[in-house]
């Protein structure tokens, strides 16, 4: 069991290094973690998604210019909200369900980071760190949609956990 978690943490560190190498060249618009967390929650289980959220949030907080804990709290809230939505409202594992949950996670991530930045600027006298404009938000949504499509169809090709229908057929 400990060996399994060790390999999962190594995989998270590998994805983190890959993700950070993309961000170094292209600004924060390549924040692909919301889709990765939804993918882990959707394809595996909530415990593994929580592990991914905690470890990746901690690692991102170490390298982030935001106050420590923002990414960790954001990822925890994203996983919690997406888990509740997946259990109560989106019960099938179709592409449309995954796509909608990924979009919700991306919007939650943008919203939580915007809210955290505003709260810290009001109470902590912190300057604006992340510039929220429409082109940046659009680019982040577009890159996350592309990753969402790639992850879903690669996983659907190799496993039977996900349904390849757009919408569940009866």
Foldseek 3Di string as FASTA:
>chain_A
DVVVVVVLLVVLVVVLVVQVVVCVPPPPLSPQVLLVLLLCCLQPNLVSSLVSLQSSLQVCQVVDPAHRPLSSVLSVVLSVVLVVCCVPPVPAQELQNSLVSSLVSLVSSVVSVVVSQVVCCVPVVDDRDDDDDDVSSVSSNVNNNVVSVVSVVVVVVPDVSHDHDNDDDD
